[in-house]
Amino acid sequence: MRIVVSGGGTGGHIYPALALIREIQKVNKDAEFLYIGTEQGLEGKLVRRENIPFESIHITGFKRKLSFENVKTIYRFLKGVSRSKKLLKEFNADVVIGTGGYVCGPVVYAAAKLGIPSIIHEQNSIPGLTNKFLSRYVDKIAICFKEAEGFFPKEKVVFTGNPRASEVLNQDGKQGRESVGLRLDVPAVLIFGGSRGARPINEAVIKSFSEFSGKPYQVLYVTGDAHFDAVKKEVELVGSPHNVVIKPFVHNMPEVLAGIDLTVARAGATTLAELTALGIPSILIPSPYVTNNHQEKNARSLSEHGAARLLLEKDLTSKRLVEEIDKIFMDEDLLQSMKKSAEDLGVRDAAGRLYQVMIDLAN
């Protein structure tokens, strides 16, 4: 099978695509892949690092208000469609899947116009402009949250989950803990705000260091590279609590997550897929700066089922953060209930489900 994958801009669109490719490679050694992205997005670097054939097109996103830039974007879109058609024909694609980001627009649209089976994968509970546009042209729409179903033609929708979830399974949690310096015999909470960190979360955590020092649990705090030095100075001022481990970035996050008892994080789709696949309770602080406030909707899909506690950024304080962590760790019944609810929401065979949709379309 010859598969074209497109997705870009942010890790939330790229990592599920890469996870899908890796899972397919495990079960079908003969599958061939072509990834189409942009040079300005993260995908160029990340995909090439995986030794996956990569081609680029030049495309930008639409502005949400009237702008002359949108005229340029239409021109780039049409030019991108033309180049995508050429690439798809040369590769002789059997199926095309878009995992999000504006680069998918011309690629998936070109596939539909050429009669090549096409799929879009929507990771969030509220779809973006590109997937809404493409939904009328594609053959199937794979979703990760039931809440997204109402935005698309019902007959095209299939619930698959997020392929990234498949990659966090079967990890060695003991090894993950040891790799970051966490003890094996004490409950652990992981706090992180994404690869770049999140200033409001950093500020709340910094003010919590003295409180954490007396707790019967340990804290792994991932600051993001940009904030690490400043945070390190702050923790030294309060005597570097013995039960707080600070890292700028964690490269083996799936392995580390497997050894964590509770997580404090943003509510990106990939993060939630990983947490539910592993059955990890969470305190979710959705970013209010994303399109359509979709992270809050993502978070509510977990909190309303008892798998997470929702803490809005406007309500985030050091005191509230510590209270929420204490509330869960000090109540074993609540911790286990949240864990069970998270497990119930998890989709552990997402990559396999999505691959089956591709096979059915290609045949």
Foldseek 3Di string as FASTA:
>chain_A
DEEEEEEWADCLQQVLVVLLVVVVCVVDVPYAYEYEYAPPTPNVVVVVVVVHHYDYADADDDDPDDDPVVVVRVVSLVVLLVVLLVVCVVSVHLEYEYRYDPSVQSNQQSCLVVVHAYEYEALFLDRDPSCLVCLVRHQAYEYAFPSNCVSHDNVRYDYQHGSLQQVLPPAAQVVLCVVQVADQPFAEEEEAEDQQADVLSLVLVLVQLLVQLPDRHAYEYAGHQVCQVVSVVSCVVNPNRPRYGYHPDDPPVSNNLLNHQEYEYEQRSSVLQNCLSSLHAYEYAHDCPDPPSRRVVSVCSLVVQLQYHYDYSVRDHNVVVVVVVCVCVVDVVSSVSNSVSSPVSHRNCSSVVVVVVSVVSSD
